């Protein structure tokens, strides 16, 4: 489903999943390990591949994606 939706956006024939745009996020997150996403987690600092959250915990990863509203 994810590839279909992205293909439609790329070709200019945009379509939305039945449950809305949030479903795209769910499709992207589904194959990831449960502990690999931190959502609604205020960030204090980002340094290359290490993220320090506001509560002081740090996470290091091969890649970091930061999404803001």
Protein backbone atom coordinates (compact mmCIF):
# COMPACT_ATOMS: atom_id res chain seq x y z
CA UNK A 1 0.00 0.00 0.00
CA UNK A 2 2.80 2.43 0.87
CA UNK A 3 4.50 2.01 -2.52
CA UNK A 4 1.20 2.48 -4.32
CA UNK A 5 0.43 5.72 -2.48
CA UNK A 6 3.95 7.09 -3.05
CA UNK A 7 3.80 6.10 -6.75
CA UNK A 8 0.54 8.01 -7.11
CA UNK A 9 2.02 11.11 -5.45
CA UNK A 10 5.13 10.93 -7.65
CA UNK A 11 3.13 10.57 -10.85
CA UNK A 12 0.93 13.54 -10.02
CA UNK A 13 -2.15 11.38 -9.44
CA UNK A 14 -2.19 11.88 -5.68
CA UNK A 15 -4.48 9.69 -3.68
CA UNK A 16 -5.04 9.35 0.04
CA UNK A 17 -5.26 6.17 2.08
CA UNK A 18 -8.76 5.40 3.36
CA UNK A 19 -7.79 6.29 6.94
CA UNK A 20 -5.95 9.51 5.96
CA UNK A 21 -2.34 10.69 5.74
CA UNK A 22 -1.48 9.26 9.16
CA UNK A 23 -1.82 5.80 7.64
CA UNK A 24 1.30 6.47 5.54
CA UNK A 25 3.28 6.94 8.75
CA UNK A 26 1.87 3.66 10.09
CA UNK A 27 2.87 1.86 6.88
CA UNK A 28 6.42 3.19 7.13
CA UNK A 29 6.73 2.30 10.81
CA UNK A 30 5.21 -1.19 10.63
CA UNK A 31 8.37 -3.11 9.59
CA UNK A 32 10.65 -1.31 12.07
CA UNK A 33 11.64 -2.76 15.46
CA UNK A 34 9.34 -1.49 18.21
CA UNK A 35 12.10 0.37 20.07
CA UNK A 36 13.43 2.16 16.98
CA UNK A 37 10.90 5.02 16.99
CA UNK A 38 10.56 7.75 19.57
CA UNK A 39 7.44 9.79 18.89
CA UNK A 40 6.30 12.85 20.78
CA UNK A 41 9.70 12.87 22.50
CA UNK A 42 11.13 16.35 23.04
CA UNK A 43 14.76 16.49 21.86
CA UNK A 44 17.48 18.41 23.64
CA UNK A 45 20.32 17.80 21.16
CA UNK A 46 21.18 16.03 17.90
CA UNK A 47 24.81 15.21 17.06
CA UNK A 48 25.34 13.21 13.87
CA UNK A 49 23.91 9.82 14.92
CA UNK A 50 23.20 10.50 18.60
CA UNK A 51 20.00 12.06 19.87
CA UNK A 52 19.64 13.26 23.45
CA UNK A 53 16.07 13.58 24.63
CA UNK A 54 14.80 16.24 27.03
CA UNK A 55 14.70 13.64 29.83
CA UNK A 56 18.47 13.08 29.40
CA UNK A 57 18.34 9.67 27.71
CA UNK A 58 20.47 9.24 24.59
CA UNK A 59 20.02 7.02 21.56
CA UNK A 60 22.66 6.27 18.94
CA UNK A 61 21.71 4.92 15.53
CA UNK A 62 23.13 4.45 12.06
CA UNK A 63 20.76 7.17 10.85
CA UNK A 64 18.54 9.77 12.48
CA UNK A 65 15.37 11.23 11.01
CA UNK A 66 14.02 14.31 12.72
CA UNK A 67 10.48 15.40 11.83
CA UNK A 68 9.00 18.61 13.15
CA UNK A 69 5.59 20.17 12.62
